[in-house]
Amino acid sequence: MKLKNIILLLLAFSSFAAAQEIKAEFNKEVKIQKKLAYILDIPKDIKSKIPLIVFLHGSGERGNDLEIVKAHSPFTYKNLIKEPVAILAPQCPANTWWDTDAVYFLIKEISEKYKIDKDRIYLTGLSMGGWGTLKLAGEHPEMFAAVASVCAPTDRVMWANIHNYKDMNLKIFHGGMDDVVLPENAFNFYQKLHPVNPKAELTIFPNDNHNSWDSTYSDPKLYEWMLSFKKESIKK
């Protein structure tokens, strides 16, 4: 038995000694399919290109019932928007968070397929959708003329890439009494943001809990602010 153990040990050692270290590079195109249901509200018989407002809902509207994505959103306050616009609202599948790559490619497809002014694409979202808004805006700042996040969770990846937001027309809204997504999320992100983007704004509704979307989306000044920007004016 002892001789057998010694032989096995020698075999294992010889196998280890024969190992080699390989340094190489993986370089291959990988195709990944993306799927998102969505609602697009767009005026009929439009003669010229129109702005697009993209809305990302919160965790409570996930699933496969598209009607619920319109809750707590700019859809409710379309009468406050003073010019023809398209509103795009994708739906996040159940038990997941926003796949911002999928949303990005959806926006690109919609902007090609319909009469959308690509210099006037705006992004907003609440709660989980506020997180998706900040994430997507940071990943593709070149796409959006203005961005508004509402009661959004934030993360350290956003803080680490804070310079991606430096030229952005950005408003952050939060309820001062929010006990679902604490106001510290907005304060901490804004504290990082302000030195690189002094024009960005933080608005705290002192008496609002998590439902600060009501105060945000019911204010016509939000839409006036959004629609006043074009991407071409950002570059100047």
Protein backbone atom coordinates (compact mmCIF):
# COMPACT_ATOMS: atom_id res chain seq x y z
CA MET A 1 0.00 0.00 0.00
CA LYS A 2 2.81 2.39 0.80
CA LEU A 3 4.49 1.73 -2.57
CA LYS A 4 1.20 2.36 -4.37
CA ASN A 5 0.75 5.69 -2.58
CA ILE A 6 4.28 6.75 -3.49
CA ILE A 7 3.64 5.92 -7.16
CA LEU A 8 0.38 7.94 -7.18
CA LEU A 9 2.15 10.87 -5.53
CA LEU A 10 4.91 10.79 -8.13
CA LEU A 11 2.37 10.65 -10.95
CA ALA A 12 0.50 13.65 -9.53
CA PHE A 13 3.75 15.60 -9.13
CA SER A 14 4.85 14.82 -12.67
CA SER A 15 1.48 16.01 -14.03
CA PHE A 16 1.78 19.28 -12.09
CA ALA A 17 5.37 19.78 -13.22
CA ALA A 18 4.29 19.40 -16.85
CA ALA A 19 1.72 22.24 -16.63
CA GLN A 20 2.25 25.26 -18.87
CA GLU A 21 1.20 28.89 -18.62
CA ILE A 22 -0.59 30.22 -21.68
CA LYS A 23 -1.09 33.93 -22.34
CA ALA A 24 -3.52 34.70 -25.13
CA GLU A 25 -6.45 36.88 -26.15
CA PHE A 26 -10.08 35.89 -26.66
CA ASN A 27 -11.49 37.80 -29.62
CA LYS A 28 -14.78 36.57 -31.03
CA GLU A 29 -18.07 38.16 -32.05
CA VAL A 30 -20.81 36.83 -29.79
CA LYS A 31 -24.44 37.30 -30.78
CA ILE A 32 -26.87 37.87 -27.91
CA GLN A 33 -30.60 38.19 -28.49
CA LYS A 34 -32.48 40.95 -26.66
CA LYS A 35 -36.24 41.00 -26.13
CA LEU A 36 -38.39 43.77 -24.62
CA ALA A 37 -42.10 44.44 -24.89
CA TYR A 38 -42.97 48.13 -25.13
CA ILE A 39 -45.66 50.74 -25.65
CA LEU A 40 -45.04 53.56 -28.09
CA ASP A 41 -47.44 56.49 -27.98
CA ILE A 42 -46.93 58.53 -31.15
CA PRO A 43 -49.13 61.14 -32.85
CA LYS A 44 -50.81 60.14 -36.10
CA ASP A 45 -50.03 61.78 -39.43
CA ILE A 46 -46.95 63.64 -38.24
CA LYS A 47 -45.38 65.75 -40.97
CA SER A 48 -41.94 66.33 -39.45
CA LYS A 49 -39.66 64.61 -36.96
CA ILE A 50 -40.74 64.83 -33.32
CA PRO A 51 -39.05 64.45 -29.91
CA LEU A 52 -39.00 61.11 -28.08
CA ILE A 53 -39.42 60.75 -24.31
CA VAL A 54 -38.26 57.35 -23.01
CA PHE A 55 -39.78 56.25 -19.70
CA LEU A 56 -38.50 53.41 -17.50
CA HIS A 57 -40.98 52.15 -14.91
CA GLY A 58 -40.34 50.86 -11.38
CA SER A 59 -40.20 47.32 -10.02
CA GLY A 60 -43.95 47.13 -9.40
CA GLU A 61 -44.73 47.31 -13.12
CA ARG A 62 -42.53 44.42 -14.24
CA GLY A 63 -44.10 41.44 -15.99
CA ASN A 64 -46.20 40.99 -19.12
CA ASP A 65 -49.08 43.44 -18.71
CA LEU A 66 -48.13 46.41 -20.85
CA GLU A 67 -50.98 48.58 -19.61
CA ILE A 68 -49.44 48.92 -16.16
CA VAL A 69 -46.24 50.53 -17.46
CA LYS A 70 -48.22 53.73 -17.99
CA ALA A 71 -48.91 54.11 -14.26
CA HIS A 72 -47.10 56.93 -12.43
CA SER A 73 -45.59 58.15 -15.70
CA PRO A 74 -45.56 60.98 -18.26
CA PHE A 75 -48.44 59.11 -19.97
CA THR A 76 -50.69 60.36 -17.17
CA TYR A 77 -49.72 63.97 -17.85
CA LYS A 78 -49.57 64.09 -21.65
CA ASN A 79 -51.87 67.11 -21.58
CA LEU A 80 -49.07 69.10 -19.89
CA ILE A 81 -46.69 68.58 -22.83
CA LYS A 82 -47.08 71.57 -25.12
CA GLU A 83 -45.83 70.07 -28.38
CA PRO A 84 -46.27 66.75 -30.21
CA VAL A 85 -43.98 64.07 -28.75
CA ALA A 86 -43.61 60.32 -28.86
CA ILE A 87 -43.44 58.45 -25.54
CA LEU A 88 -41.70 55.08 -25.44
CA ALA A 89 -42.15 52.80 -22.41
CA PRO A 90 -40.54 49.36 -22.48
CA GLN A 91 -41.48 46.75 -19.88
CA CYS A 92 -38.91 45.01 -17.72
CA PRO A 93 -39.51 41.24 -17.44
CA ALA A 94 -40.57 39.84 -14.05
CA ASN A 95 -37.87 39.19 -11.44
CA THR A 96 -35.18 41.11 -13.32
CA TRP A 97 -33.72 44.61 -13.34
CA TRP A 98 -33.32 46.82 -16.38
CA ASP A 99 -31.10 45.49 -19.15
CA THR A 100 -29.81 48.84 -20.35
CA ASP A 101 -28.22 47.33 -23.45
CA ALA A 102 -31.65 46.09 -24.54
CA VAL A 103 -33.20 49.51 -23.90
CA TYR A 104 -30.41 51.22 -25.85
CA PHE A 105 -30.94 49.05 -28.92
CA LEU A 106 -34.72 49.48 -28.64
CA ILE A 107 -34.35 53.28 -28.68
CA LYS A 108 -32.07 53.07 -31.70
CA GLU A 109 -34.59 50.91 -33.56
CA ILE A 110 -37.55 53.16 -32.70
CA SER A 111 -35.62 56.29 -33.72
CA GLU A 112 -34.83 54.72 -37.11
CA LYS A 113 -38.27 53.22 -37.74
CA TYR A 114 -40.37 56.30 -36.91
CA LYS A 115 -40.08 60.04 -37.49
CA ILE A 116 -37.98 60.75 -34.40
CA ASP A 117 -35.68 63.75 -34.03
CA LYS A 118 -32.46 62.06 -32.86
CA ASP A 119 -31.24 65.36 -31.42
CA ARG A 120 -34.27 65.42 -29.11
CA ILE A 121 -34.34 62.11 -27.28
CA TYR A 122 -35.04 62.40 -23.52
CA LEU A 123 -34.80 59.80 -20.77
CA THR A 124 -36.60 59.53 -17.45
CA GLY A 125 -37.56 56.81 -14.99
CA LEU A 126 -38.62 56.17 -11.42
CA SER A 127 -37.28 53.95 -8.63
CA MET A 128 -35.80 50.87 -10.34
CA GLY A 129 -36.37 52.77 -13.58
CA GLY A 130 -34.54 55.76 -12.10
CA TRP A 131 -31.56 53.48 -11.55
CA GLY A 132 -31.92 52.28 -15.15
CA THR A 133 -32.12 55.90 -16.28
CA LEU A 134 -28.86 56.89 -14.58
CA LYS A 135 -27.15 53.68 -15.70
CA LEU A 136 -28.18 54.01 -19.35
CA ALA A 137 -27.43 57.75 -19.44
CA GLY A 138 -23.95 57.10 -18.05
CA GLU A 139 -23.32 54.35 -20.60
CA HIS A 140 -24.60 56.36 -23.59
CA PRO A 141 -24.48 60.08 -22.75
CA GLU A 142 -24.28 60.85 -26.48
CA MET A 143 -27.86 59.63 -27.01
CA PHE A 144 -29.85 61.94 -24.73
CA ALA A 145 -30.50 65.68 -24.83
CA ALA A 146 -31.78 65.69 -21.23
CA VAL A 147 -32.24 63.18 -18.41
CA ALA A 148 -34.43 63.11 -15.29
CA SER A 149 -34.19 60.42 -12.60
CA VAL A 150 -36.83 60.02 -9.89
CA CYS A 151 -36.34 58.32 -6.48
CA ALA A 152 -33.48 56.33 -7.98
CA PRO A 153 -31.18 53.85 -6.27
CA THR A 154 -27.56 54.58 -7.16
CA ASP A 155 -24.46 52.42 -7.15
CA ARG A 156 -20.68 52.64 -6.99
CA VAL A 157 -20.28 51.99 -10.71
CA MET A 158 -22.10 55.27 -11.37
CA TRP A 159 -19.89 57.08 -8.87
CA ALA A 160 -16.75 55.58 -10.38
CA ASN A 161 -17.81 56.77 -13.85
CA ILE A 162 -19.11 60.14 -12.72
CA HIS A 163 -17.28 61.96 -15.53
CA ASN A 164 -19.65 60.33 -18.03
CA TYR A 165 -22.29 62.73 -16.69
CA LYS A 166 -20.19 65.89 -16.93
CA ASP A 167 -21.91 67.50 -19.94
CA MET A 168 -25.40 66.14 -19.28
CA ASN A 169 -28.56 68.16 -18.78
CA LEU A 170 -29.61 66.23 -15.70
CA LYS A 171 -32.22 66.63 -12.99
CA ILE A 172 -32.46 64.34 -9.96
CA PHE A 173 -35.70 64.17 -7.95
CA HIS A 174 -36.27 62.46 -4.60
CA GLY A 175 -38.67 62.47 -1.68
CA GLY A 176 -37.23 63.72 1.58
CA MET A 177 -39.21 61.11 3.53
CA ASP A 178 -38.54 58.19 1.16
CA ASP A 179 -38.17 55.03 3.24
CA VAL A 180 -37.93 52.66 0.24
CA VAL A 181 -35.00 54.25 -1.58
CA LEU A 182 -33.40 56.51 1.00
CA PRO A 183 -32.70 60.16 0.09
CA GLU A 184 -29.00 59.44 0.75
CA ASN A 185 -28.93 57.83 -2.70
CA ALA A 186 -29.68 61.20 -4.30
CA PHE A 187 -27.45 63.19 -1.90
CA ASN A 188 -24.42 60.95 -2.33
CA PHE A 189 -24.70 60.82 -6.11
CA TYR A 190 -25.20 64.57 -6.36
CA GLN A 191 -22.24 65.17 -4.07
CA LYS A 192 -20.07 63.29 -6.57
CA LEU A 193 -21.79 64.86 -9.57
CA HIS A 194 -21.78 68.55 -8.74
CA PRO A 195 -18.00 69.14 -8.99
CA VAL A 196 -17.94 67.74 -12.56
CA ASN A 197 -21.35 69.04 -13.67
CA PRO A 198 -22.39 72.19 -11.77
CA LYS A 199 -25.46 72.69 -13.98
CA ALA A 200 -27.03 69.40 -12.82
CA GLU A 201 -29.87 69.91 -10.34
CA LEU A 202 -31.10 68.02 -7.29
CA THR A 203 -34.69 68.57 -6.16
CA ILE A 204 -35.90 67.18 -2.83
CA PHE A 205 -39.64 67.18 -2.15
CA PRO A 206 -39.49 67.40 1.66
CA ASN A 207 -42.92 65.88 2.36
CA ASP A 208 -42.85 63.12 -0.28
CA ASN A 209 -42.19 59.49 0.48
CA HIS A 210 -41.26 57.10 -2.36
CA ASN A 211 -44.02 58.52 -4.57
CA SER A 212 -42.03 61.61 -5.56
CA TRP A 213 -42.94 60.71 -9.15
CA ASP A 214 -46.30 62.42 -8.60
CA SER A 215 -44.66 65.74 -7.77
CA THR A 216 -42.16 65.29 -10.59
CA TYR A 217 -44.34 64.28 -13.52
CA SER A 218 -47.28 66.54 -12.66
CA ASP A 219 -45.12 69.66 -13.10
CA PRO A 220 -45.32 71.08 -16.65
CA LYS A 221 -41.96 72.77 -16.09
CA LEU A 222 -40.26 69.37 -16.28
CA TYR A 223 -41.39 68.87 -19.87
CA GLU A 224 -40.60 72.48 -20.79
CA TRP A 225 -37.10 71.99 -19.41
CA MET A 226 -36.57 68.69 -21.22
CA LEU A 227 -37.85 69.86 -24.58
CA SER A 228 -35.77 73.02 -24.50
CA PHE A 229 -32.61 70.98 -25.17
CA LYS A 230 -31.16 69.53 -28.33
CA LYS A 231 -28.04 67.42 -28.51
CA GLU A 232 -26.47 69.78 -31.03
CA SER A 233 -26.77 72.63 -28.48
CA ILE A 234 -24.99 70.53 -25.84
CA LYS A 235 -21.88 70.31 -28.02
CA LYS A 236 -21.58 74.09 -28.44
